[in-house]
Amino acid sequence: MSEIQIAHEPRDPLMIAEEWMKAGKDVAVATVVETWGSAPRPVGSHLVIDSDGLFEGSVSGGCVEGAVVAEAAEVIADGKPRMLEFGVADETAWRVGLSCGGRIKVYVERLG
C-alpha cells in the first residue's frame, strides 16, 4: 500500500504571534505594506519573529527574510518600529535576493 500524504493548511502567522505572546515571548511582526514590479509576496503578507529568532510566515523569501529577522531583533530590543525597503535600485537588493526587478516595503513593529 502507498502512503497517503495529508496536506496541512499553512497557519496564520498572526495566530502564531498571539500564541507566542500568550507563552510570554517578545514578538515582532513584519508586514509587506507596498510592492512595485515583481514582488514575491503581496501587500498584507506577514512574518512574525520572536526574541529567540524563531519566525513563521513570509514577506519575500530568500535572504530578504534573513535581513527582516535581523531588523526585527532590534525592534524587539528597543521597541522602535522600522520601515524597511528592498529593491533592485538598492545595492542591498543584490545581497538579499530582490534582483528580479521588484521593490517591497516592509513595516516591522513590536507587538504587545
N, C-alpha and C. Protein backbone atom coordinates (compact mmCIF):
# COMPACT_ATOMS: atom_id res chain seq x y z
N MET A 1 0.83 -1.18 0.00
CA MET A 1 0.00 0.00 0.00
C MET A 1 0.87 1.24 0.00
N SER A 2 0.41 2.26 -0.69
CA SER A 2 1.15 3.52 -0.70
C SER A 2 0.72 4.39 0.46
N GLU A 3 1.64 5.25 0.86
CA GLU A 3 1.33 6.17 1.95
C GLU A 3 0.44 7.29 1.45
N ILE A 4 -0.44 7.73 2.30
CA ILE A 4 -1.29 8.87 1.96
C ILE A 4 -0.70 10.10 2.64
N GLN A 5 -0.45 11.11 1.84
CA GLN A 5 0.07 12.37 2.37
C GLN A 5 -1.11 13.30 2.63
N ILE A 6 -1.14 13.87 3.81
CA ILE A 6 -2.19 14.83 4.15
C ILE A 6 -1.59 16.22 4.13
N ALA A 7 -2.15 17.05 3.28
CA ALA A 7 -1.66 18.43 3.19
C ALA A 7 -2.24 19.23 4.35
N HIS A 8 -1.39 19.99 4.98
CA HIS A 8 -1.83 20.85 6.07
C HIS A 8 -1.89 22.28 5.58
N GLU A 9 -2.94 22.97 5.96
CA GLU A 9 -3.06 24.38 5.62
C GLU A 9 -1.98 25.14 6.38
N PRO A 10 -1.34 26.09 5.73
CA PRO A 10 -0.37 26.89 6.47
C PRO A 10 -1.08 27.67 7.57
N ARG A 11 -0.42 27.79 8.71
CA ARG A 11 -1.03 28.50 9.83
C ARG A 11 -0.86 30.00 9.66
N ASP A 12 -1.83 30.75 10.11
CA ASP A 12 -1.81 32.20 10.04
C ASP A 12 -0.71 32.73 10.96
N PRO A 13 0.26 33.47 10.43
CA PRO A 13 1.34 33.98 11.27
C PRO A 13 0.84 34.83 12.44
N LEU A 14 -0.24 35.56 12.25
CA LEU A 14 -0.75 36.39 13.34
C LEU A 14 -1.31 35.55 14.48
N MET A 15 -1.87 34.40 14.16
CA MET A 15 -2.34 33.48 15.20
C MET A 15 -1.14 32.90 15.96
N ILE A 16 -0.07 32.60 15.23
CA ILE A 16 1.15 32.10 15.85
C ILE A 16 1.72 33.17 16.78
N ALA A 17 1.72 34.42 16.34
CA ALA A 17 2.22 35.52 17.17
C ALA A 17 1.42 35.61 18.47
N GLU A 18 0.12 35.46 18.36
CA GLU A 18 -0.73 35.50 19.55
C GLU A 18 -0.36 34.37 20.52
N GLU A 19 -0.15 33.17 19.98
CA GLU A 19 0.25 32.03 20.82
C GLU A 19 1.58 32.30 21.52
N TRP A 20 2.54 32.84 20.76
CA TRP A 20 3.85 33.13 21.33
C TRP A 20 3.74 34.17 22.45
N MET A 21 2.92 35.20 22.22
CA MET A 21 2.75 36.23 23.24
C MET A 21 2.10 35.67 24.49
N LYS A 22 1.11 34.80 24.31
CA LYS A 22 0.46 34.16 25.46
C LYS A 22 1.45 33.31 26.25
N ALA A 23 2.47 32.80 25.55
CA ALA A 23 3.51 31.98 26.19
C ALA A 23 4.59 32.85 26.83
N GLY A 24 4.41 34.17 26.76
CA GLY A 24 5.35 35.08 27.41
C GLY A 24 6.53 35.52 26.56
N LYS A 25 6.49 35.24 25.27
CA LYS A 25 7.59 35.63 24.39
C LYS A 25 7.41 37.06 23.89
N ASP A 26 8.53 37.74 23.64
CA ASP A 26 8.51 39.04 22.97
C ASP A 26 8.42 38.76 21.48
N VAL A 27 7.55 39.50 20.79
CA VAL A 27 7.26 39.21 19.38
C VAL A 27 7.23 40.48 18.55
N ALA A 28 7.73 40.39 17.33
CA ALA A 28 7.60 41.45 16.34
C ALA A 28 6.88 40.89 15.13
N VAL A 29 6.20 41.77 14.41
CA VAL A 29 5.55 41.36 13.17
C VAL A 29 6.06 42.27 12.05
N ALA A 30 6.37 41.65 10.92
CA ALA A 30 6.77 42.36 9.72
C ALA A 30 5.64 42.22 8.71
N THR A 31 5.24 43.32 8.11
CA THR A 31 4.12 43.33 7.17
C THR A 31 4.54 44.00 5.87
N VAL A 32 4.26 43.34 4.74
CA VAL A 32 4.50 43.97 3.44
C VAL A 32 3.46 45.07 3.28
N VAL A 33 3.92 46.32 3.16
CA VAL A 33 2.99 47.44 3.06
C VAL A 33 2.94 48.04 1.65
N GLU A 34 3.93 47.71 0.82
CA GLU A 34 3.93 48.24 -0.54
C GLU A 34 4.80 47.36 -1.42
N THR A 35 4.36 47.14 -2.65
CA THR A 35 5.18 46.42 -3.63
C THR A 35 5.18 47.20 -4.93
N TRP A 36 6.20 46.97 -5.72
CA TRP A 36 6.28 47.56 -7.04
C TRP A 36 6.99 46.56 -7.93
N GLY A 37 6.48 46.35 -9.12
CA GLY A 37 7.11 45.41 -10.05
C GLY A 37 6.95 43.99 -9.58
N SER A 38 7.98 43.20 -9.82
CA SER A 38 7.95 41.79 -9.47
C SER A 38 8.29 41.61 -7.99
N ALA A 39 7.27 41.24 -7.20
CA ALA A 39 7.48 41.03 -5.77
C ALA A 39 6.97 39.65 -5.41
N PRO A 40 7.73 38.90 -4.62
CA PRO A 40 7.36 37.52 -4.31
C PRO A 40 6.10 37.35 -3.46
N ARG A 41 5.78 38.34 -2.61
CA ARG A 41 4.63 38.23 -1.71
C ARG A 41 3.78 39.49 -1.83
N PRO A 42 2.46 39.36 -1.73
CA PRO A 42 1.58 40.52 -1.88
C PRO A 42 1.54 41.41 -0.63
N VAL A 43 1.05 42.62 -0.82
CA VAL A 43 0.80 43.52 0.30
C VAL A 43 -0.08 42.80 1.32
N GLY A 44 0.24 42.97 2.59
CA GLY A 44 -0.51 42.32 3.66
C GLY A 44 0.11 41.02 4.14
N SER A 45 1.15 40.54 3.47
CA SER A 45 1.82 39.31 3.91
C SER A 45 2.57 39.60 5.20
N HIS A 46 2.61 38.60 6.10
CA HIS A 46 3.22 38.77 7.42
C HIS A 46 4.31 37.75 7.69
N LEU A 47 5.29 38.21 8.46
CA LEU A 47 6.33 37.36 9.03
C LEU A 47 6.37 37.73 10.51
N VAL A 48 6.23 36.74 11.39
CA VAL A 48 6.32 37.01 12.83
C VAL A 48 7.62 36.42 13.35
N ILE A 49 8.22 37.15 14.29
CA ILE A 49 9.54 36.80 14.80
C ILE A 49 9.50 36.90 16.31
N ASP A 50 10.08 35.90 17.00
CA ASP A 50 10.14 36.01 18.46
C ASP A 50 11.56 36.38 18.89
N SER A 51 11.73 36.63 20.17
CA SER A 51 13.01 37.09 20.69
C SER A 51 14.11 36.03 20.60
N ASP A 52 13.74 34.78 20.35
CA ASP A 52 14.73 33.72 20.16
C ASP A 52 15.16 33.59 18.70
N GLY A 53 14.55 34.40 17.82
CA GLY A 53 14.88 34.33 16.40
C GLY A 53 14.05 33.34 15.62
N LEU A 54 13.06 32.71 16.26
CA LEU A 54 12.14 31.84 15.53
C LEU A 54 11.22 32.71 14.69
N PHE A 55 10.85 32.22 13.51
CA PHE A 55 9.94 33.00 12.69
C PHE A 55 9.01 32.10 11.90
N GLU A 56 7.86 32.67 11.57
CA GLU A 56 6.84 31.97 10.79
C GLU A 56 6.23 32.97 9.81
N GLY A 57 5.82 32.48 8.66
CA GLY A 57 5.22 33.34 7.65
C GLY A 57 6.25 33.72 6.61
N SER A 58 5.92 34.73 5.80
CA SER A 58 6.83 35.14 4.73
C SER A 58 6.50 36.55 4.25
N VAL A 59 7.55 37.35 4.03
CA VAL A 59 7.36 38.65 3.42
C VAL A 59 8.04 38.73 2.06
N SER A 60 8.91 37.78 1.76
CA SER A 60 9.57 37.80 0.46
C SER A 60 10.20 36.48 0.09
N GLY A 61 11.01 35.95 0.94
CA GLY A 61 11.74 34.73 0.62
C GLY A 61 13.22 35.01 0.59
N GLY A 62 13.97 33.95 0.60
CA GLY A 62 15.42 34.07 0.48
C GLY A 62 16.05 34.94 1.56
N CYS A 63 17.05 35.66 1.15
CA CYS A 63 17.84 36.45 2.09
C CYS A 63 17.11 37.68 2.62
N VAL A 64 16.08 38.13 1.92
CA VAL A 64 15.29 39.27 2.42
C VAL A 64 14.74 38.92 3.80
N GLU A 65 14.26 37.72 3.95
CA GLU A 65 13.69 37.33 5.24
C GLU A 65 14.75 37.33 6.33
N GLY A 66 15.98 36.93 6.00
CA GLY A 66 17.05 36.98 6.98
C GLY A 66 17.33 38.41 7.44
N ALA A 67 17.30 39.34 6.50
CA ALA A 67 17.51 40.75 6.84
C ALA A 67 16.36 41.28 7.70
N VAL A 68 15.14 40.87 7.40
CA VAL A 68 13.97 41.30 8.17
C VAL A 68 14.03 40.72 9.59
N VAL A 69 14.42 39.46 9.71
CA VAL A 69 14.54 38.83 11.03
C VAL A 69 15.58 39.57 11.86
N ALA A 70 16.69 39.93 11.27
CA ALA A 70 17.74 40.67 11.99
C ALA A 70 17.23 42.03 12.46
N GLU A 71 16.50 42.74 11.60
CA GLU A 71 15.93 44.03 11.99
C GLU A 71 14.88 43.85 13.08
N ALA A 72 14.11 42.77 12.99
CA ALA A 72 13.07 42.51 13.99
C ALA A 72 13.68 42.30 15.37
N ALA A 73 14.85 41.69 15.44
CA ALA A 73 15.52 41.50 16.73
C ALA A 73 15.80 42.86 17.37
N GLU A 74 16.21 43.83 16.55
CA GLU A 74 16.45 45.18 17.07
C GLU A 74 15.15 45.85 17.49
N VAL A 75 14.09 45.64 16.72
CA VAL A 75 12.78 46.21 17.07
C VAL A 75 12.29 45.64 18.40
N ILE A 76 12.48 44.34 18.60
CA ILE A 76 12.08 43.72 19.87
C ILE A 76 12.89 44.33 21.01
N ALA A 77 14.19 44.55 20.77
CA ALA A 77 15.07 45.06 21.82
C ALA A 77 14.77 46.51 22.19
N ASP A 78 14.55 47.37 21.18
CA ASP A 78 14.39 48.79 21.50
C ASP A 78 12.95 49.30 21.39
N GLY A 79 12.05 48.48 20.86
CA GLY A 79 10.64 48.87 20.77
C GLY A 79 10.32 49.88 19.69
N LYS A 80 11.32 50.27 18.89
CA LYS A 80 11.10 51.28 17.85
C LYS A 80 10.80 50.61 16.52
N PRO A 81 9.62 50.90 15.94
CA PRO A 81 9.29 50.29 14.64
C PRO A 81 10.21 50.81 13.54
N ARG A 82 10.28 50.05 12.46
CA ARG A 82 11.12 50.42 11.33
C ARG A 82 10.39 50.14 10.02
N MET A 83 10.65 50.99 9.03
CA MET A 83 10.18 50.77 7.68
C MET A 83 11.40 50.36 6.87
N LEU A 84 11.35 49.17 6.31
CA LEU A 84 12.47 48.64 5.52
C LEU A 84 12.08 48.66 4.05
N GLU A 85 13.04 48.92 3.20
CA GLU A 85 12.77 48.89 1.77
C GLU A 85 13.85 48.09 1.08
N PHE A 86 13.42 47.18 0.23
CA PHE A 86 14.34 46.35 -0.55
C PHE A 86 13.93 46.50 -2.00
N GLY A 87 14.90 46.79 -2.86
CA GLY A 87 14.57 46.94 -4.27
C GLY A 87 15.78 46.86 -5.15
N VAL A 88 15.53 46.70 -6.43
CA VAL A 88 16.61 46.49 -7.39
C VAL A 88 17.51 47.72 -7.51
N ALA A 89 16.98 48.91 -7.21
CA ALA A 89 17.80 50.11 -7.30
C ALA A 89 18.75 50.22 -6.11
N ASP A 90 18.48 49.45 -5.09
CA ASP A 90 19.27 49.46 -3.86
C ASP A 90 20.34 48.38 -3.97
N GLU A 91 21.58 48.72 -3.64
CA GLU A 91 22.66 47.74 -3.68
C GLU A 91 22.33 46.53 -2.80
N THR A 92 21.56 46.77 -1.74
CA THR A 92 21.15 45.69 -0.84
C THR A 92 20.35 44.63 -1.58
N ALA A 93 19.61 45.02 -2.62
CA ALA A 93 18.76 44.08 -3.35
C ALA A 93 19.55 42.88 -3.84
N TRP A 94 20.74 43.11 -4.34
CA TRP A 94 21.53 42.01 -4.86
C TRP A 94 22.00 41.10 -3.75
N ARG A 95 22.28 41.68 -2.59
CA ARG A 95 22.72 40.88 -1.45
C ARG A 95 21.58 40.07 -0.87
N VAL A 96 20.37 40.64 -0.84
CA VAL A 96 19.27 39.96 -0.16
C VAL A 96 18.31 39.26 -1.12
N GLY A 97 18.56 39.32 -2.42
CA GLY A 97 17.80 38.47 -3.33
C GLY A 97 16.61 39.09 -4.03
N LEU A 98 16.55 40.41 -4.19
CA LEU A 98 15.45 41.02 -4.95
C LEU A 98 15.95 41.54 -6.29
N SER A 99 16.80 40.77 -6.92
CA SER A 99 17.36 41.19 -8.20
C SER A 99 16.39 40.97 -9.35
N CYS A 100 15.14 40.58 -9.03
CA CYS A 100 14.13 40.29 -10.05
C CYS A 100 13.50 41.56 -10.62
N GLY A 101 13.86 42.71 -10.11
CA GLY A 101 13.34 43.95 -10.65
C GLY A 101 12.23 44.56 -9.82
N GLY A 102 11.89 43.95 -8.71
CA GLY A 102 10.83 44.48 -7.87
C GLY A 102 11.33 45.29 -6.71
N ARG A 103 10.38 45.82 -5.96
CA ARG A 103 10.70 46.57 -4.76
C ARG A 103 9.61 46.29 -3.75
N ILE A 104 9.99 46.15 -2.49
CA ILE A 104 9.00 45.98 -1.43
C ILE A 104 9.34 46.88 -0.25
N LYS A 105 8.29 47.30 0.45
CA LYS A 105 8.45 48.00 1.72
C LYS A 105 7.83 47.11 2.79
N VAL A 106 8.57 46.95 3.89
CA VAL A 106 8.14 46.08 4.97
C VAL A 106 8.19 46.89 6.27
N TYR A 107 7.05 46.94 6.97
CA TYR A 107 6.97 47.63 8.25
C TYR A 107 7.14 46.60 9.36
N VAL A 108 8.07 46.87 10.27
CA VAL A 108 8.37 45.94 11.37
C VAL A 108 8.04 46.64 12.68
N GLU A 109 7.20 45.99 13.51
CA GLU A 109 6.83 46.57 14.79
C GLU A 109 6.76 45.49 15.86
N ARG A 110 7.00 45.92 17.09
CA ARG A 110 6.89 45.02 18.23
C ARG A 110 5.43 44.93 18.64
N LEU A 111 5.00 43.74 19.01
CA LEU A 111 3.63 43.54 19.48
C LEU A 111 3.60 43.53 21.00
N GLY A 112 2.46 43.93 21.52
CA GLY A 112 2.25 43.86 22.97
C GLY A 112 2.62 45.06 23.74
